[in-house]
């Protein structure tokens, strides 16, 4: 079992990262106010999204049950209220091509948004890598989505430097994915973590870092997969 103190950053770093994330998100929203945003729906897609949200909203009790297992080092995870569809959440996959969470249908995913300039994000990355190494399967995946502006060189160099081996490389250099979550009231800063079931429904969400390599996180994953 991983040592919680090894990965968990100091409170002052968490505060600094949250403030920086909020500022970065605010700038991105301002710059893109007249743009397309993340996977902005056309009317037909809007109707489909509403249907998906209604389907997910029926999972409120399940979300509460799963979130009740979020104790100890992952106690900051909140149940989705109500659960909503995140199937349209868009970013680039490990192959560099556009994808959405709908492409992971049938698999429960822990989506984590991070950036190299976010100190708590950097601190929790080894723990997320350890969780993927132990619990990753055809039923579960830790999906860390980097939102650094620019090319892939800096985030990939950082992951290589700290020895991350199990996490696939997901990217959104536009910050649209963060802005989408901010508009939904799910993102205050970075890191942001979302627990999404195999039908694309948000079950739980968290702002700020956690000890993802510990027994509390593993118990949460097991509960999500069992319910």
C-alpha atoms as a PDB file:
ATOM      1  CA  UNK A   1       0.000   0.000   0.000  1.00  0.00           C
ATOM      2  CA  UNK A   2       1.282   3.456  -0.885  1.00  0.00           C
ATOM      3  CA  UNK A   3       2.248   5.963   1.785  1.00  0.00           C
ATOM      4  CA  UNK A   4      -0.332   8.808   1.717  1.00  0.00           C
ATOM      5  CA  UNK A   5       2.250  11.423   2.656  1.00  0.00           C
ATOM      6  CA  UNK A   6       4.376  10.494  -0.327  1.00  0.00           C
ATOM      7  CA  UNK A   7       1.887  11.702  -2.898  1.00  0.00           C
ATOM      8  CA  UNK A   8      -0.356  14.204  -1.088  1.00  0.00           C
ATOM      9  CA  UNK A   9       0.761  17.845  -1.494  1.00  0.00           C
ATOM     10  CA  UNK A  10       0.933  20.500   1.211  1.00  0.00           C
ATOM     11  CA  UNK A  11      -2.223  22.615   1.781  1.00  0.00           C
ATOM     12  CA  UNK A  12      -0.503  25.763   0.499  1.00  0.00           C
ATOM     13  CA  UNK A  13       0.215  24.001  -2.806  1.00  0.00           C
ATOM     14  CA  UNK A  14      -3.394  22.867  -3.088  1.00  0.00           C
ATOM     15  CA  UNK A  15      -4.609  26.445  -2.533  1.00  0.00           C
ATOM     16  CA  UNK A  16      -2.150  27.822  -5.066  1.00  0.00           C
ATOM     17  CA  UNK A  17      -3.182  25.261  -7.676  1.00  0.00           C
ATOM     18  CA  UNK A  18      -6.895  25.874  -7.157  1.00  0.00           C
ATOM     19  CA  UNK A  19      -6.415  29.626  -7.551  1.00  0.00           C
ATOM     20  CA  UNK A  20      -4.245  29.132 -10.631  1.00  0.00           C
ATOM     21  CA  UNK A  21      -6.744  26.709 -12.108  1.00  0.00           C
ATOM     22  CA  UNK A  22      -9.650  29.082 -11.577  1.00  0.00           C
ATOM     23  CA  UNK A  23      -7.722  31.902 -13.221  1.00  0.00           C
ATOM     24  CA  UNK A  24      -6.709  29.702 -16.138  1.00  0.00           C
ATOM     25  CA  UNK A  25     -10.293  28.529 -16.579  1.00  0.00           C
ATOM     26  CA  UNK A  26     -11.629  32.082 -16.385  1.00  0.00           C
ATOM     27  CA  UNK A  27      -9.212  33.263 -19.051  1.00  0.00           C
ATOM     28  CA  UNK A  28     -10.112  30.371 -21.308  1.00  0.00           C
ATOM     29  CA  UNK A  29     -13.851  31.034 -20.951  1.00  0.00           C
ATOM     30  CA  UNK A  30     -13.329  34.733 -21.745  1.00  0.00           C
ATOM     31  CA  UNK A  31     -11.226  34.033 -24.812  1.00  0.00           C
ATOM     32  CA  UNK A  32     -13.615  31.397 -26.125  1.00  0.00           C
ATOM     33  CA  UNK A  33     -16.908  33.049 -25.254  1.00  0.00           C
ATOM     34  CA  UNK A  34     -17.860  33.407 -28.925  1.00  0.00           C
ATOM     35  CA  UNK A  35     -16.222  30.129 -29.952  1.00  0.00           C
ATOM     36  CA  UNK A  36     -17.518  26.625 -30.243  1.00  0.00           C
ATOM     37  CA  UNK A  37     -16.595  25.333 -26.799  1.00  0.00           C
ATOM     38  CA  UNK A  38     -16.168  21.665 -25.978  1.00  0.00           C
ATOM     39  CA  UNK A  39     -18.314  19.567 -28.256  1.00  0.00           C
ATOM     40  CA  UNK A  40     -21.004  22.300 -28.472  1.00  0.00           C
ATOM     41  CA  UNK A  41     -24.255  20.535 -29.429  1.00  0.00           C
ATOM     42  CA  UNK A  42     -26.366  21.280 -32.484  1.00  0.00           C
ATOM     43  CA  UNK A  43     -30.164  21.059 -31.981  1.00  0.00           C
ATOM     44  CA  UNK A  44     -30.428  17.324 -32.768  1.00  0.00           C
ATOM     45  CA  UNK A  45     -27.496  16.577 -30.476  1.00  0.00           C
ATOM     46  CA  UNK A  46     -29.106  18.721 -27.764  1.00  0.00           C
ATOM     47  CA  UNK A  47     -32.210  16.538 -27.816  1.00  0.00           C
ATOM     48  CA  UNK A  48     -30.045  13.446 -27.578  1.00  0.00           C
ATOM     49  CA  UNK A  49     -28.056  14.941 -24.694  1.00  0.00           C
ATOM     50  CA  UNK A  50     -31.273  15.751 -22.832  1.00  0.00           C
ATOM     51  CA  UNK A  51     -32.401  12.142 -23.243  1.00  0.00           C
ATOM     52  CA  UNK A  52     -29.024  10.908 -21.968  1.00  0.00           C
ATOM     53  CA  UNK A  53     -29.193  13.264 -18.970  1.00  0.00           C
ATOM     54  CA  UNK A  54     -32.677  12.010 -18.110  1.00  0.00           C
ATOM     55  CA  UNK A  55     -31.404   8.420 -18.280  1.00  0.00           C
ATOM     56  CA  UNK A  56     -28.491   9.234 -15.980  1.00  0.00           C
ATOM     57  CA  UNK A  57     -30.624  11.244 -13.530  1.00  0.00           C
ATOM     58  CA  UNK A  58     -32.408   8.017 -12.628  1.00  0.00           C
ATOM     59  CA  UNK A  59     -29.144   6.815 -11.065  1.00  0.00           C
ATOM     60  CA  UNK A  60     -29.242   9.278  -8.150  1.00  0.00           C
ATOM     61  CA  UNK A  61     -29.518   6.586  -5.492  1.00  0.00           C
ATOM     62  CA  UNK A  62     -26.702   4.603  -7.061  1.00  0.00           C
ATOM     63  CA  UNK A  63     -24.502   7.688  -7.078  1.00  0.00           C
ATOM     64  CA  UNK A  64     -25.191   8.234  -3.377  1.00  0.00           C
ATOM     65  CA  UNK A  65     -24.413   4.606  -2.590  1.00  0.00           C
ATOM     66  CA  UNK A  66     -21.104   4.666  -4.462  1.00  0.00           C
ATOM     67  CA  UNK A  67     -20.105   8.041  -2.999  1.00  0.00           C
ATOM     68  CA  UNK A  68     -20.830   6.718   0.487  1.00  0.00           C
ATOM     69  CA  UNK A  69     -17.818   4.456  -0.031  1.00  0.00           C
ATOM     70  CA  UNK A  70     -15.630   7.538  -0.567  1.00  0.00           C
ATOM     71  CA  UNK A  71     -14.095   7.731   2.888  1.00  0.00           C
ATOM     72  CA  UNK A  72     -10.727   8.535   4.395  1.00  0.00           C
ATOM     73  CA  UNK A  73      -8.268   9.787   1.779  1.00  0.00           C
ATOM     74  CA  UNK A  74     -10.946  10.087  -0.940  1.00  0.00           C
ATOM     75  CA  UNK A  75     -13.683  11.529   1.281  1.00  0.00           C
ATOM     76  CA  UNK A  76     -13.800  14.732  -0.797  1.00  0.00           C
ATOM     77  CA  UNK A  77     -15.565  12.865  -3.630  1.00  0.00           C
ATOM     78  CA  UNK A  78     -19.171  14.070  -3.871  1.00  0.00           C
ATOM     79  CA  UNK A  79     -22.107  12.168  -5.366  1.00  0.00           C
ATOM     80  CA  UNK A  80     -23.424  13.565  -8.657  1.00  0.00           C
ATOM     81  CA  UNK A  81     -26.625  15.440  -7.822  1.00  0.00           C
ATOM     82  CA  UNK A  82     -28.193  14.536 -10.088  1.00  0.00           C
ATOM     83  CA  UNK A  83     -26.069  12.215 -12.223  1.00  0.00           C
ATOM     84  CA  UNK A  84     -25.652  13.623 -15.745  1.00  0.00           C
ATOM     85  CA  UNK A  85     -24.362  12.275 -19.021  1.00  0.00           C
ATOM     86  CA  UNK A  86     -20.720  12.982 -19.838  1.00  0.00           C
ATOM     87  CA  UNK A  87     -20.646  10.859 -22.982  1.00  0.00           C
ATOM     88  CA  UNK A  88     -19.941  13.942 -25.095  1.00  0.00           C
ATOM     89  CA  UNK A  89     -16.919  15.082 -23.064  1.00  0.00           C
ATOM     90  CA  UNK A  90     -14.256  15.515 -25.759  1.00  0.00           C
ATOM     91  CA  UNK A  91     -10.459  15.420 -25.888  1.00  0.00           C
ATOM     92  CA  UNK A  92      -7.714  13.631 -27.813  1.00  0.00           C
ATOM     93  CA  UNK A  93      -6.938   9.974 -27.248  1.00  0.00           C
ATOM     94  CA  UNK A  94      -3.531   8.309 -26.874  1.00  0.00           C
ATOM     95  CA  UNK A  95      -3.311   8.130 -30.676  1.00  0.00           C
ATOM     96  CA  UNK A  96      -3.741  11.918 -30.905  1.00  0.00           C
ATOM     97  CA  UNK A  97      -7.166  11.640 -32.541  1.00  0.00           C
ATOM     98  CA  UNK A  98     -10.364  13.270 -31.187  1.00  0.00           C
ATOM     99  CA  UNK A  99     -12.536  11.071 -28.984  1.00  0.00           C
ATOM    100  CA  UNK A 100     -15.290  11.327 -26.406  1.00  0.00           C
ATOM    101  CA  UNK A 101     -16.128   9.374 -23.280  1.00  0.00           C
ATOM    102  CA  UNK A 102     -18.728   7.542 -25.375  1.00  0.00           C
ATOM    103  CA  UNK A 103     -15.747   5.719 -26.897  1.00  0.00           C
ATOM    104  CA  UNK A 104     -15.204   4.042 -23.506  1.00  0.00           C
ATOM    105  CA  UNK A 105     -18.741   2.657 -23.288  1.00  0.00           C
ATOM    106  CA  UNK A 106     -18.944  -0.349 -20.997  1.00  0.00           C
ATOM    107  CA  UNK A 107     -15.961   0.743 -18.904  1.00  0.00           C
ATOM    108  CA  UNK A 108     -16.088   2.646 -15.608  1.00  0.00           C
ATOM    109  CA  UNK A 109     -13.508   5.452 -15.781  1.00  0.00           C
ATOM    110  CA  UNK A 110     -11.842   7.792 -13.319  1.00  0.00           C
ATOM    111  CA  UNK A 111     -11.190  10.920 -15.379  1.00  0.00           C
ATOM    112  CA  UNK A 112      -8.568  13.288 -13.959  1.00  0.00           C
ATOM    113  CA  UNK A 113      -7.791  16.695 -15.508  1.00  0.00           C
ATOM    114  CA  UNK A 114      -4.270  17.917 -14.794  1.00  0.00           C
ATOM    115  CA  UNK A 115      -1.530  20.284 -15.943  1.00  0.00           C
ATOM    116  CA  UNK A 116       2.227  20.417 -15.442  1.00  0.00           C
ATOM    117  CA  UNK A 117       1.925  23.899 -13.874  1.00  0.00           C
ATOM    118  CA  UNK A 118      -0.439  22.540 -11.184  1.00  0.00           C
ATOM    119  CA  UNK A 119       1.643  21.413  -8.185  1.00  0.00           C
ATOM    120  CA  UNK A 120      -1.017  19.128  -6.594  1.00  0.00           C
ATOM    121  CA  UNK A 121      -1.655  17.565 -10.032  1.00  0.00           C
ATOM    122  CA  UNK A 122       2.025  16.699 -10.344  1.00  0.00           C
ATOM    123  CA  UNK A 123       2.107  15.335  -6.806  1.00  0.00           C
ATOM    124  CA  UNK A 124      -0.817  12.925  -7.269  1.00  0.00           C
ATOM    125  CA  UNK A 125       0.208  11.596 -10.691  1.00  0.00           C
ATOM    126  CA  UNK A 126       2.314   8.677  -9.321  1.00  0.00           C
ATOM    127  CA  UNK A 127      -0.663   7.598  -7.192  1.00  0.00           C
ATOM    128  CA  UNK A 128      -3.009   7.660 -10.188  1.00  0.00           C
ATOM    129  CA  UNK A 129      -0.453   5.632 -12.115  1.00  0.00           C
ATOM    130  CA  UNK A 130      -0.305   3.098  -9.272  1.00  0.00           C
ATOM    131  CA  UNK A 131      -4.116   2.844  -9.179  1.00  0.00           C
ATOM    132  CA  UNK A 132      -4.238   2.162 -12.912  1.00  0.00           C
ATOM    133  CA  UNK A 133      -1.490  -0.434 -12.614  1.00  0.00           C
ATOM    134  CA  UNK A 134      -3.349  -2.343  -9.900  1.00  0.00           C
ATOM    135  CA  UNK A 135      -7.006  -1.857 -10.831  1.00  0.00           C
ATOM    136  CA  UNK A 136      -6.915  -1.181 -14.576  1.00  0.00           C
ATOM    137  CA  UNK A 137      -8.826  -3.748 -16.624  1.00  0.00           C
ATOM    138  CA  UNK A 138     -11.372  -4.098 -19.398  1.00  0.00           C
ATOM    139  CA  UNK A 139     -13.895  -2.791 -16.834  1.00  0.00           C
ATOM    140  CA  UNK A 140     -11.974   0.116 -15.316  1.00  0.00           C
ATOM    141  CA  UNK A 141      -9.459   2.757 -16.419  1.00  0.00           C
ATOM    142  CA  UNK A 142      -7.813   5.813 -14.916  1.00  0.00           C
ATOM    143  CA  UNK A 143      -7.909   8.444 -17.680  1.00  0.00           C
ATOM    144  CA  UNK A 144      -5.629  11.403 -16.942  1.00  0.00           C
ATOM    145  CA  UNK A 145      -6.331  14.241 -19.395  1.00  0.00           C
ATOM    146  CA  UNK A 146      -3.542  16.819 -19.654  1.00  0.00           C
ATOM    147  CA  UNK A 147      -4.697  20.386 -20.398  1.00  0.00           C
ATOM    148  CA  UNK A 148      -1.335  22.121 -20.927  1.00  0.00           C
ATOM    149  CA  UNK A 149      -1.452  24.633 -23.779  1.00  0.00           C
ATOM    150  CA  UNK A 150       1.012  23.837 -26.567  1.00  0.00           C
ATOM    151  CA  UNK A 151       2.329  20.544 -27.871  1.00  0.00           C
ATOM    152  CA  UNK A 152       2.757  17.211 -26.092  1.00  0.00           C
ATOM    153  CA  UNK A 153       6.463  17.577 -25.331  1.00  0.00           C
ATOM    154  CA  UNK A 154       6.264  19.077 -21.837  1.00  0.00           C
ATOM    155  CA  UNK A 155       3.606  16.774 -20.308  1.00  0.00           C
ATOM    156  CA  UNK A 156       5.189  13.679 -21.839  1.00  0.00           C
ATOM    157  CA  UNK A 157       8.627  14.697 -20.555  1.00  0.00           C
ATOM    158  CA  UNK A 158       7.203  15.163 -17.065  1.00  0.00           C
ATOM    159  CA  UNK A 159       5.518  11.752 -17.053  1.00  0.00           C
ATOM    160  CA  UNK A 160       8.711  10.108 -18.294  1.00  0.00           C
ATOM    161  CA  UNK A 161      10.716  11.930 -15.632  1.00  0.00           C
ATOM    162  CA  UNK A 162       8.581  10.628 -12.753  1.00  0.00           C
ATOM    163  CA  UNK A 163       8.378   7.107 -14.185  1.00  0.00           C
ATOM    164  CA  UNK A 164       4.680   6.914 -15.119  1.00  0.00           C
ATOM    165  CA  UNK A 165       4.209   3.656 -17.022  1.00  0.00           C
ATOM    166  CA  UNK A 166       0.565   2.597 -16.737  1.00  0.00           C
ATOM    167  CA  UNK A 167      -1.371   5.732 -17.711  1.00  0.00           C
ATOM    168  CA  UNK A 168      -2.357   6.349 -21.332  1.00  0.00           C
ATOM    169  CA  UNK A 169      -1.751   9.871 -22.644  1.00  0.00           C
ATOM    170  CA  UNK A 170      -4.999  11.831 -23.106  1.00  0.00           C
ATOM    171  CA  UNK A 171      -4.802  15.512 -24.093  1.00  0.00           C
ATOM    172  CA  UNK A 172      -6.797  18.698 -24.582  1.00  0.00           C
ATOM    173  CA  UNK A 173      -4.524  21.665 -25.340  1.00  0.00           C
ATOM    174  CA  UNK A 174      -7.548  23.919 -25.936  1.00  0.00           C
ATOM    175  CA  UNK A 175      -8.816  23.890 -22.305  1.00  0.00           C
ATOM    176  CA  UNK A 176     -12.312  23.291 -23.747  1.00  0.00           C
ATOM    177  CA  UNK A 177     -12.788  20.180 -21.640  1.00  0.00           C
ATOM    178  CA  UNK A 178     -12.066  22.178 -18.466  1.00  0.00           C
ATOM    179  CA  UNK A 179     -14.402  24.979 -19.568  1.00  0.00           C
ATOM    180  CA  UNK A 180     -17.162  22.472 -20.293  1.00  0.00           C
ATOM    181  CA  UNK A 181     -16.883  21.070 -16.768  1.00  0.00           C
ATOM    182  CA  UNK A 182     -16.725  24.578 -15.313  1.00  0.00           C
ATOM    183  CA  UNK A 183     -19.998  25.498 -17.025  1.00  0.00           C
ATOM    184  CA  UNK A 184     -21.543  22.360 -15.549  1.00  0.00           C
ATOM    185  CA  UNK A 185     -20.416  23.462 -12.067  1.00  0.00           C
ATOM    186  CA  UNK A 186     -18.012  20.541 -11.761  1.00  0.00           C
ATOM    187  CA  UNK A 187     -14.650  22.315 -12.077  1.00  0.00           C
ATOM    188  CA  UNK A 188     -13.323  25.008  -9.748  1.00  0.00           C
ATOM    189  CA  UNK A 189      -9.634  24.539 -10.558  1.00  0.00           C
ATOM    190  CA  UNK A 190      -7.162  21.715 -11.085  1.00  0.00           C
ATOM    191  CA  UNK A 191      -7.011  18.840 -10.496  1.00  0.00           C
ATOM    192  CA  UNK A 192     -10.590  17.767 -11.205  1.00  0.00           C
ATOM    193  CA  UNK A 193     -11.581  14.104 -10.934  1.00  0.00           C
ATOM    194  CA  UNK A 194     -14.759  12.487 -12.249  1.00  0.00           C
ATOM    195  CA  UNK A 195     -16.064   8.969 -11.651  1.00  0.00           C
ATOM    196  CA  UNK A 196     -18.099   7.956 -14.707  1.00  0.00           C
ATOM    197  CA  UNK A 197     -19.854   4.619 -15.178  1.00  0.00           C
ATOM    198  CA  UNK A 198     -19.918   2.405 -18.242  1.00  0.00           C
ATOM    199  CA  UNK A 199     -23.016   4.163 -19.605  1.00  0.00           C
ATOM    200  CA  UNK A 200     -21.323   7.558 -19.535  1.00  0.00           C
ATOM    201  CA  UNK A 201     -23.123   8.769 -16.411  1.00  0.00           C
ATOM    202  CA  UNK A 202     -21.322  10.920 -13.857  1.00  0.00           C
ATOM    203  CA  UNK A 203     -21.482   9.148 -10.497  1.00  0.00           C
ATOM    204  CA  UNK A 204     -19.126  11.244  -8.387  1.00  0.00           C
ATOM    205  CA  UNK A 205     -16.768  14.222  -8.686  1.00  0.00           C
ATOM    206  CA  UNK A 206     -13.955  15.880  -6.759  1.00  0.00           C
ATOM    207  CA  UNK A 207     -12.037  19.146  -6.912  1.00  0.00           C
ATOM    208  CA  UNK A 208      -8.512  18.945  -5.535  1.00  0.00           C
ATOM    209  CA  UNK A 209      -6.044  16.077  -5.105  1.00  0.00           C
ATOM    210  CA  UNK A 210      -6.376  12.783  -3.231  1.00  0.00           C
ATOM    211  CA  UNK A 211      -4.304   9.730  -2.347  1.00  0.00           C
ATOM    212  CA  UNK A 212      -5.390   7.524  -5.232  1.00  0.00           C
ATOM    213  CA  UNK A 213      -2.968   4.684  -4.496  1.00  0.00           C
ATOM    214  CA  UNK A 214      -4.378   3.949  -1.045  1.00  0.00           C
ATOM    215  CA  UNK A 215      -6.883   1.393   0.185  1.00  0.00           C
ATOM    216  CA  UNK A 216      -9.661   4.005   0.384  1.00  0.00           C
ATOM    217  CA  UNK A 217      -9.408   4.701  -3.354  1.00  0.00           C
ATOM    218  CA  UNK A 218      -9.301   1.009  -4.211  1.00  0.00           C
ATOM    219  CA  UNK A 219     -12.399   0.400  -2.100  1.00  0.00           C
ATOM    220  CA  UNK A 220     -14.182   3.200  -3.952  1.00  0.00           C
ATOM    221  CA  UNK A 221     -13.320   1.666  -7.313  1.00  0.00           C
ATOM    222  CA  UNK A 222     -14.471  -1.783  -6.167  1.00  0.00           C
ATOM    223  CA  UNK A 223     -17.779  -0.307  -4.985  1.00  0.00           C
ATOM    224  CA  UNK A 224     -18.304   1.504  -8.291  1.00  0.00           C
ATOM    225  CA  UNK A 225     -17.711  -1.708 -10.208  1.00  0.00           C
ATOM    226  CA  UNK A 226     -20.004  -3.746  -7.973  1.00  0.00           C
ATOM    227  CA  UNK A 227     -23.021  -1.427  -8.138  1.00  0.00           C
END
